[in-house]
Amino acid sequence: MSSNNSRFFDEMAKFMSNAAGAAQGLRKEIDQMVQTQVERVLNNLNVVRREDFEVVRAMAEKARTENAALSARLAEVEKKMNVN
């Protein structure tokens, strides 16, 4: 009888391992499907990707810095022109 119990528990352990593996595979597949759908919706809404946003943000910061420097130079040149 103990060999029957042992075999039963071995079979149950195999079944549970197989079920856990199948559940994990199903979860990965569902995650991929959800990610694909979310990307499709965001593309349809014309949402900007984070990487693109960061590039444009850096360009805007650089332009602001250059604009401030040019404004200061222009003010200096205008000041010199009014003195003469």
PDB file of N, CA and C in Angstrom:
ATOM      1  N   MET A   1       0.813  -1.195   0.000  1.00  0.00           N
ATOM      2  CA  MET A   1       0.000   0.000   0.000  1.00  0.00           C
ATOM      3  C   MET A   1       0.858   1.260   0.000  1.00  0.00           C
ATOM      4  N   SER A   2       2.027   1.223   0.640  1.00  0.00           N
ATOM      5  CA  SER A   2       2.868   2.400   0.685  1.00  0.00           C
ATOM      6  C   SER A   2       3.438   2.725  -0.683  1.00  0.00           C
ATOM      7  N   SER A   3       3.683   1.709  -1.520  1.00  0.00           N
ATOM      8  CA  SER A   3       4.163   1.995  -2.877  1.00  0.00           C
ATOM      9  C   SER A   3       3.068   2.646  -3.714  1.00  0.00           C
ATOM     10  N   ASN A   4       1.815   2.283  -3.456  1.00  0.00           N
ATOM     11  CA  ASN A   4       0.698   2.934  -4.149  1.00  0.00           C
ATOM     12  C   ASN A   4       0.588   4.393  -3.731  1.00  0.00           C
ATOM     13  N   ASN A   5       0.750   4.644  -2.426  1.00  0.00           N
ATOM     14  CA  ASN A   5       0.714   6.023  -1.930  1.00  0.00           C
ATOM     15  C   ASN A   5       1.869   6.824  -2.512  1.00  0.00           C
ATOM     16  N   SER A   6       3.044   6.221  -2.545  1.00  0.00           N
ATOM     17  CA  SER A   6       4.215   6.896  -3.072  1.00  0.00           C
ATOM     18  C   SER A   6       4.024   7.223  -4.550  1.00  0.00           C
ATOM     19  N   ARG A   7       3.525   6.263  -5.299  1.00  0.00           N
ATOM     20  CA  ARG A   7       3.279   6.479  -6.727  1.00  0.00           C
ATOM     21  C   ARG A   7       2.216   7.564  -6.929  1.00  0.00           C
ATOM     22  N   PHE A   8       1.182   7.527  -6.088  1.00  0.00           N
ATOM     23  CA  PHE A   8       0.127   8.538  -6.185  1.00  0.00           C
ATOM     24  C   PHE A   8       0.708   9.938  -5.964  1.00  0.00           C
ATOM     25  N   PHE A   9       1.532  10.079  -4.928  1.00  0.00           N
ATOM     26  CA  PHE A   9       2.113  11.394  -4.639  1.00  0.00           C
ATOM     27  C   PHE A   9       3.116  11.810  -5.716  1.00  0.00           C
ATOM     28  N   ASP A  10       3.832  10.853  -6.278  1.00  0.00           N
ATOM     29  CA  ASP A  10       4.735  11.160  -7.392  1.00  0.00           C
ATOM     30  C   ASP A  10       3.945  11.683  -8.586  1.00  0.00           C
ATOM     31  N   GLU A  11       2.847  11.023  -8.894  1.00  0.00           N
ATOM     32  CA  GLU A  11       1.999  11.464 -10.006  1.00  0.00           C
ATOM     33  C   GLU A  11       1.389  12.830  -9.733  1.00  0.00           C
ATOM     34  N   MET A  12       0.977  13.055  -8.479  1.00  0.00           N
ATOM     35  CA  MET A  12       0.415  14.366  -8.121  1.00  0.00           C
ATOM     36  C   MET A  12       1.487  15.455  -8.248  1.00  0.00           C
ATOM     37  N   ALA A  13       2.706  15.153  -7.849  1.00  0.00           N
ATOM     38  CA  ALA A  13       3.794  16.123  -7.951  1.00  0.00           C
ATOM     39  C   ALA A  13       4.077  16.449  -9.412  1.00  0.00           C
ATOM     40  N   LYS A  14       4.085  15.440 -10.272  1.00  0.00           N
ATOM     41  CA  LYS A  14       4.293  15.677 -11.713  1.00  0.00           C
ATOM     42  C   LYS A  14       3.165  16.531 -12.281  1.00  0.00           C
ATOM     43  N   PHE A  15       1.943  16.186 -11.886  1.00  0.00           N
ATOM     44  CA  PHE A  15       0.780  16.937 -12.367  1.00  0.00           C
ATOM     45  C   PHE A  15       0.874  18.401 -11.950  1.00  0.00           C
ATOM     46  N   MET A  16       1.230  18.639 -10.685  1.00  0.00           N
ATOM     47  CA  MET A  16       1.329  20.012 -10.183  1.00  0.00           C
ATOM     48  C   MET A  16       2.463  20.767 -10.884  1.00  0.00           C
ATOM     49  N   SER A  17       3.575  20.097 -11.140  1.00  0.00           N
ATOM     50  CA  SER A  17       4.686  20.732 -11.852  1.00  0.00           C
ATOM     51  C   SER A  17       4.265  21.113 -13.267  1.00  0.00           C
ATOM     52  N   ASN A  18       3.584  20.190 -13.930  1.00  0.00           N
ATOM     53  CA  ASN A  18       3.107  20.469 -15.285  1.00  0.00           C
ATOM     54  C   ASN A  18       2.088  21.605 -15.287  1.00  0.00           C
ATOM     55  N   ALA A  19       1.199  21.613 -14.311  1.00  0.00           N
ATOM     56  CA  ALA A  19       0.191  22.671 -14.219  1.00  0.00           C
ATOM     57  C   ALA A  19       0.846  24.019 -13.964  1.00  0.00           C
ATOM     58  N   ALA A  20       1.858  24.040 -13.086  1.00  0.00           N
ATOM     59  CA  ALA A  20       2.553  25.296 -12.796  1.00  0.00           C
ATOM     60  C   ALA A  20       3.281  25.798 -14.039  1.00  0.00           C
ATOM     61  N   GLY A  21       3.919  24.893 -14.769  1.00  0.00           N
ATOM     62  CA  GLY A  21       4.609  25.288 -16.005  1.00  0.00           C
ATOM     63  C   GLY A  21       3.638  25.821 -17.040  1.00  0.00           C
ATOM     64  N   ALA A  22       2.488  25.171 -17.172  1.00  0.00           N
ATOM     65  CA  ALA A  22       1.487  25.628 -18.129  1.00  0.00           C
ATOM     66  C   ALA A  22       0.938  26.991 -17.732  1.00  0.00           C
ATOM     67  N   ALA A  23       0.708  27.194 -16.434  1.00  0.00           N
ATOM     68  CA  ALA A  23       0.200  28.485 -15.958  1.00  0.00           C
ATOM     69  C   ALA A  23       1.215  29.590 -16.212  1.00  0.00           C
ATOM     70  N   GLN A  24       2.481  29.287 -16.005  1.00  0.00           N
ATOM     71  CA  GLN A  24       3.523  30.290 -16.245  1.00  0.00           C
ATOM     72  C   GLN A  24       3.609  30.634 -17.727  1.00  0.00           C
ATOM     73  N   GLY A  25       3.521  29.629 -18.571  1.00  0.00           N
ATOM     74  CA  GLY A  25       3.539  29.878 -20.015  1.00  0.00           C
ATOM     75  C   GLY A  25       2.340  30.698 -20.454  1.00  0.00           C
ATOM     76  N   LEU A  26       1.177  30.380 -19.902  1.00  0.00           N
ATOM     77  CA  LEU A  26      -0.042  31.128 -20.225  1.00  0.00           C
ATOM     78  C   LEU A  26       0.082  32.579 -19.773  1.00  0.00           C
ATOM     79  N   ARG A  27       0.664  32.779 -18.589  1.00  0.00           N
ATOM     80  CA  ARG A  27       0.843  34.146 -18.088  1.00  0.00           C
ATOM     81  C   ARG A  27       1.750  34.959 -19.013  1.00  0.00           C
ATOM     82  N   LYS A  28       2.850  34.358 -19.462  1.00  0.00           N
ATOM     83  CA  LYS A  28       3.755  35.065 -20.371  1.00  0.00           C
ATOM     84  C   LYS A  28       3.041  35.430 -21.665  1.00  0.00           C
ATOM     85  N   GLU A  29       2.242  34.501 -22.163  1.00  0.00           N
ATOM     86  CA  GLU A  29       1.513  34.757 -23.409  1.00  0.00           C
ATOM     87  C   GLU A  29       0.495  35.878 -23.228  1.00  0.00           C
ATOM     88  N   ILE A  30      -0.209  35.881 -22.103  1.00  0.00           N
ATOM     89  CA  ILE A  30      -1.188  36.941 -21.834  1.00  0.00           C
ATOM     90  C   ILE A  30      -0.483  38.277 -21.667  1.00  0.00           C
ATOM     91  N   ASP A  31       0.640  38.292 -20.948  1.00  0.00           N
ATOM     92  CA  ASP A  31       1.406  39.539 -20.786  1.00  0.00           C
ATOM     93  C   ASP A  31       1.814  40.106 -22.145  1.00  0.00           C
ATOM     94  N   GLN A  32       2.273  39.244 -23.035  1.00  0.00           N
ATOM     95  CA  GLN A  32       2.692  39.687 -24.367  1.00  0.00           C
ATOM     96  C   GLN A  32       1.508  40.244 -25.152  1.00  0.00           C
ATOM     97  N   MET A  33       0.361  39.574 -25.058  1.00  0.00           N
ATOM     98  CA  MET A  33      -0.830  40.052 -25.774  1.00  0.00           C
ATOM     99  C   MET A  33      -1.266  41.415 -25.245  1.00  0.00           C
ATOM    100  N   VAL A  34      -1.244  41.578 -23.922  1.00  0.00           N
ATOM    101  CA  VAL A  34      -1.642  42.859 -23.324  1.00  0.00           C
ATOM    102  C   VAL A  34      -0.671  43.956 -23.740  1.00  0.00           C
ATOM    103  N   GLN A  35       0.626  43.667 -23.708  1.00  0.00           N
ATOM    104  CA  GLN A  35       1.615  44.662 -24.106  1.00  0.00           C
ATOM    105  C   GLN A  35       1.418  45.071 -25.560  1.00  0.00           C
ATOM    106  N   THR A  36       1.161  44.111 -26.424  1.00  0.00           N
ATOM    107  CA  THR A  36       0.930  44.409 -27.840  1.00  0.00           C
ATOM    108  C   THR A  36      -0.289  45.298 -28.014  1.00  0.00           C
ATOM    109  N   GLN A  37      -1.366  44.998 -27.301  1.00  0.00           N
ATOM    110  CA  GLN A  37      -2.580  45.806 -27.409  1.00  0.00           C
ATOM    111  C   GLN A  37      -2.352  47.225 -26.888  1.00  0.00           C
ATOM    112  N   VAL A  38      -1.634  47.348 -25.762  1.00  0.00           N
ATOM    113  CA  VAL A  38      -1.364  48.678 -25.202  1.00  0.00           C
ATOM    114  C   VAL A  38      -0.528  49.495 -26.177  1.00  0.00           C
ATOM    115  N   GLU A  39       0.498  48.880 -26.766  1.00  0.00           N
ATOM    116  CA  GLU A  39       1.324  49.587 -27.749  1.00  0.00           C
ATOM    117  C   GLU A  39       0.487  50.020 -28.949  1.00  0.00           C
ATOM    118  N   ARG A  40      -0.417  49.174 -29.389  1.00  0.00           N
ATOM    119  CA  ARG A  40      -1.282  49.516 -30.524  1.00  0.00           C
ATOM    120  C   ARG A  40      -2.170  50.708 -30.186  1.00  0.00           C
ATOM    121  N   VAL A  41      -2.757  50.707 -28.990  1.00  0.00           N
ATOM    122  CA  VAL A  41      -3.623  51.817 -28.576  1.00  0.00           C
ATOM    123  C   VAL A  41      -2.816  53.110 -28.480  1.00  0.00           C
ATOM    124  N   LEU A  42      -1.628  53.044 -27.876  1.00  0.00           N
ATOM    125  CA  LEU A  42      -0.806  54.246 -27.748  1.00  0.00           C
ATOM    126  C   LEU A  42      -0.378  54.774 -29.113  1.00  0.00           C
ATOM    127  N   ASN A  43      -0.067  53.882 -30.041  1.00  0.00           N
ATOM    128  CA  ASN A  43       0.293  54.324 -31.393  1.00  0.00           C
ATOM    129  C   ASN A  43      -0.896  54.988 -32.075  1.00  0.00           C
ATOM    130  N   ASN A  44      -2.086  54.473 -31.864  1.00  0.00           N
ATOM    131  CA  ASN A  44      -3.285  55.078 -32.459  1.00  0.00           C
ATOM    132  C   ASN A  44      -3.580  56.447 -31.861  1.00  0.00           C
ATOM    133  N   LEU A  45      -3.183  56.654 -30.607  1.00  0.00           N
ATOM    134  CA  LEU A  45      -3.409  57.942 -29.952  1.00  0.00           C
ATOM    135  C   LEU A  45      -2.287  58.937 -30.240  1.00  0.00           C
ATOM    136  N   ASN A  46      -1.275  58.509 -30.994  1.00  0.00           N
ATOM    137  CA  ASN A  46      -0.122  59.348 -31.317  1.00  0.00           C
ATOM    138  C   ASN A  46       0.595  59.836 -30.063  1.00  0.00           C
ATOM    139  N   VAL A  47       0.721  58.969 -29.077  1.00  0.00           N
ATOM    140  CA  VAL A  47       1.437  59.292 -27.846  1.00  0.00           C
ATOM    141  C   VAL A  47       2.936  59.209 -28.128  1.00  0.00           C
ATOM    142  N   VAL A  48       3.666  60.178 -27.606  1.00  0.00           N
ATOM    143  CA  VAL A  48       5.107  60.241 -27.828  1.00  0.00           C
ATOM    144  C   VAL A  48       5.807  59.261 -26.894  1.00  0.00           C
ATOM    145  N   ARG A  49       6.799  58.557 -27.425  1.00  0.00           N
ATOM    146  CA  ARG A  49       7.581  57.649 -26.587  1.00  0.00           C
ATOM    147  C   ARG A  49       8.466  58.447 -25.648  1.00  0.00           C
ATOM    148  N   ARG A  50       8.781  57.876 -24.519  1.00  0.00           N
ATOM    149  CA  ARG A  50       9.588  58.550 -23.493  1.00  0.00           C
ATOM    150  C   ARG A  50      10.951  58.967 -24.042  1.00  0.00           C
ATOM    151  N   GLU A  51      11.576  58.083 -24.828  1.00  0.00           N
ATOM    152  CA  GLU A  51      12.900  58.383 -25.383  1.00  0.00           C
ATOM    153  C   GLU A  51      12.842  59.602 -26.294  1.00  0.00           C
ATOM    154  N   ASP A  52      11.817  59.666 -27.136  1.00  0.00           N
ATOM    155  CA  ASP A  52      11.661  60.810 -28.044  1.00  0.00           C
ATOM    156  C   ASP A  52      11.414  62.092 -27.252  1.00  0.00           C
ATOM    157  N   PHE A  53      10.595  61.997 -26.211  1.00  0.00           N
ATOM    158  CA  PHE A  53      10.313  63.157 -25.372  1.00  0.00           C
ATOM    159  C   PHE A  53      11.589  63.683 -24.736  1.00  0.00           C
ATOM    160  N   GLU A  54      12.419  62.782 -24.220  1.00  0.00           N
ATOM    161  CA  GLU A  54      13.666  63.196 -23.565  1.00  0.00           C
ATOM    162  C   GLU A  54      14.612  63.875 -24.551  1.00  0.00           C
ATOM    163  N   VAL A  55      14.670  63.401 -25.795  1.00  0.00           N
ATOM    164  CA  VAL A  55      15.530  64.018 -26.813  1.00  0.00           C
ATOM    165  C   VAL A  55      15.064  65.441 -27.097  1.00  0.00           C
ATOM    166  N   VAL A  56      13.767  65.616 -27.301  1.00  0.00           N
ATOM    167  CA  VAL A  56      13.232  66.957 -27.594  1.00  0.00           C
ATOM    168  C   VAL A  56      13.394  67.866 -26.385  1.00  0.00           C
ATOM    169  N   ARG A  57      13.227  67.322 -25.198  1.00  0.00           N
ATOM    170  CA  ARG A  57      13.401  68.121 -23.977  1.00  0.00           C
ATOM    171  C   ARG A  57      14.840  68.630 -23.867  1.00  0.00           C
ATOM    172  N   ALA A  58      15.804  67.768 -24.156  1.00  0.00           N
ATOM    173  CA  ALA A  58      17.211  68.183 -24.106  1.00  0.00           C
ATOM    174  C   ALA A  58      17.488  69.259 -25.145  1.00  0.00           C
ATOM    175  N   MET A  59      16.901  69.113 -26.334  1.00  0.00           N
ATOM    176  CA  MET A  59      17.083  70.129 -27.380  1.00  0.00           C
ATOM    177  C   MET A  59      16.495  71.472 -26.934  1.00  0.00           C
ATOM    178  N   ALA A  60      15.330  71.435 -26.285  1.00  0.00           N
ATOM    179  CA  ALA A  60      14.692  72.676 -25.826  1.00  0.00           C
ATOM    180  C   ALA A  60      15.534  73.349 -24.737  1.00  0.00           C
ATOM    181  N   GLU A  61      16.078  72.552 -23.821  1.00  0.00           N
ATOM    182  CA  GLU A  61      16.929  73.122 -22.777  1.00  0.00           C
ATOM    183  C   GLU A  61      18.176  73.771 -23.375  1.00  0.00           C
ATOM    184  N   LYS A  62      18.774  73.110 -24.361  1.00  0.00           N
ATOM    185  CA  LYS A  62      19.955  73.674 -25.020  1.00  0.00           C
ATOM    186  C   LYS A  62      19.598  74.971 -25.739  1.00  0.00           C
ATOM    187  N   ALA A  63      18.448  74.983 -26.420  1.00  0.00           N
ATOM    188  CA  ALA A  63      18.019  76.189 -27.133  1.00  0.00           C
ATOM    189  C   ALA A  63      17.778  77.336 -26.153  1.00  0.00           C
ATOM    190  N   ARG A  64      17.177  77.040 -24.989  1.00  0.00           N
ATOM    191  CA  ARG A  64      16.944  78.079 -23.981  1.00  0.00           C
ATOM    192  C   ARG A  64      18.257  78.659 -23.472  1.00  0.00           C
ATOM    193  N   THR A  65      19.221  77.792 -23.227  1.00  0.00           N
ATOM    194  CA  THR A  65      20.530  78.244 -22.740  1.00  0.00           C
ATOM    195  C   THR A  65      21.211  79.123 -23.783  1.00  0.00           C
ATOM    196  N   GLU A  66      21.191  78.683 -25.038  1.00  0.00           N
ATOM    197  CA  GLU A  66      21.804  79.464 -26.117  1.00  0.00           C
ATOM    198  C   GLU A  66      21.072  80.784 -26.303  1.00  0.00           C
ATOM    199  N   ASN A  67      19.757  80.789 -26.183  1.00  0.00           N
ATOM    200  CA  ASN A  67      18.970  82.011 -26.325  1.00  0.00           C
ATOM    201  C   ASN A  67      19.322  83.013 -25.228  1.00  0.00           C
ATOM    202  N   ALA A  68      19.482  82.517 -24.008  1.00  0.00           N
ATOM    203  CA  ALA A  68      19.850  83.409 -22.897  1.00  0.00           C
ATOM    204  C   ALA A  68      21.230  84.014 -23.130  1.00  0.00           C
ATOM    205  N   ALA A  69      22.174  83.206 -23.611  1.00  0.00           N
ATOM    206  CA  ALA A  69      23.525  83.712 -23.880  1.00  0.00           C
ATOM    207  C   ALA A  69      23.499  84.747 -24.997  1.00  0.00           C
ATOM    208  N   LEU A  70      22.752  84.477 -26.057  1.00  0.00           N
ATOM    209  CA  LEU A  70      22.660  85.434 -27.167  1.00  0.00           C
ATOM    210  C   LEU A  70      21.966  86.718 -26.742  1.00  0.00           C
ATOM    211  N   SER A  71      20.950  86.606 -25.894  1.00  0.00           N
ATOM    212  CA  SER A  71      20.270  87.809 -25.403  1.00  0.00           C
ATOM    213  C   SER A  71      21.226  88.671 -24.584  1.00  0.00           C
ATOM    214  N   ALA A  72      22.056  88.029 -23.784  1.00  0.00           N
ATOM    215  CA  ALA A  72      23.030  88.776 -22.981  1.00  0.00           C
ATOM    216  C   ALA A  72      24.046  89.457 -23.889  1.00  0.00           C
ATOM    217  N   ARG A  73      24.515  88.752 -24.917  1.00  0.00           N
ATOM    218  CA  ARG A  73      25.473  89.354 -25.851  1.00  0.00           C
ATOM    219  C   ARG A  73      24.844  90.520 -26.600  1.00  0.00           C
ATOM    220  N   LEU A  74      23.589  90.343 -27.022  1.00  0.00           N
ATOM    221  CA  LEU A  74      22.898  91.413 -27.738  1.00  0.00           C
ATOM    222  C   LEU A  74      22.741  92.641 -26.849  1.00  0.00           C
ATOM    223  N   ALA A  75      22.384  92.428 -25.597  1.00  0.00           N
ATOM    224  CA  ALA A  75      22.237  93.556 -24.668  1.00  0.00           C
ATOM    225  C   ALA A  75      23.574  94.274 -24.490  1.00  0.00           C
ATOM    226  N   GLU A  76      24.650  93.521 -24.445  1.00  0.00           N
ATOM    227  CA  GLU A  76      25.980  94.106 -24.304  1.00  0.00           C
ATOM    228  C   GLU A  76      26.345  94.923 -25.541  1.00  0.00           C
ATOM    229  N   VAL A  77      26.065  94.390 -26.710  1.00  0.00           N
ATOM    230  CA  VAL A  77      26.356  95.103 -27.966  1.00  0.00           C
ATOM    231  C   VAL A  77      25.512  96.376 -28.052  1.00  0.00           C
ATOM    232  N   GLU A  78      24.228  96.293 -27.709  1.00  0.00           N
ATOM    233  CA  GLU A  78      23.353  97.472 -27.747  1.00  0.00           C
ATOM    234  C   GLU A  78      23.842  98.535 -26.762  1.00  0.00           C
ATOM    235  N   LYS A  79      24.324  98.109 -25.609  1.00  0.00           N
ATOM    236  CA  LYS A  79      24.838  99.045 -24.610  1.00  0.00           C
ATOM    237  C   LYS A  79      26.067  99.779 -25.161  1.00  0.00           C
ATOM    238  N   LYS A  80      26.963  99.050 -25.811  1.00  0.00           N
ATOM    239  CA  LYS A  80      28.165  99.658 -26.383  1.00  0.00           C
ATOM    240  C   LYS A  80      27.804 100.610 -27.506  1.00  0.00           C
ATOM    241  N   MET A  81      26.803 100.282 -28.296  1.00  0.00           N
ATOM    242  CA  MET A  81      26.409 101.139 -29.417  1.00  0.00           C
ATOM    243  C   MET A  81      25.796 102.434 -28.902  1.00  0.00           C
ATOM    244  N   ASN A  82      25.080 102.405 -27.827  1.00  0.00           N
ATOM    245  CA  ASN A  82      24.451 103.619 -27.278  1.00  0.00           C
ATOM    246  C   ASN A  82      25.476 104.520 -26.610  1.00  0.00           C
ATOM    247  N   VAL A  83      26.589 104.007 -26.120  1.00  0.00           N
ATOM    248  CA  VAL A  83      27.607 104.786 -25.461  1.00  0.00           C
ATOM    249  C   VAL A  83      28.354 105.641 -26.487  1.00  0.00           C
ATOM    250  N   ASN A  84      28.637 105.081 -27.642  1.00  0.00           N
ATOM    251  CA  ASN A  84      29.421 105.799 -28.661  1.00  0.00           C
ATOM    252  C   ASN A  84      28.623 106.812 -29.341  1.00  0.00           C
TER     253      ASN A  84
END
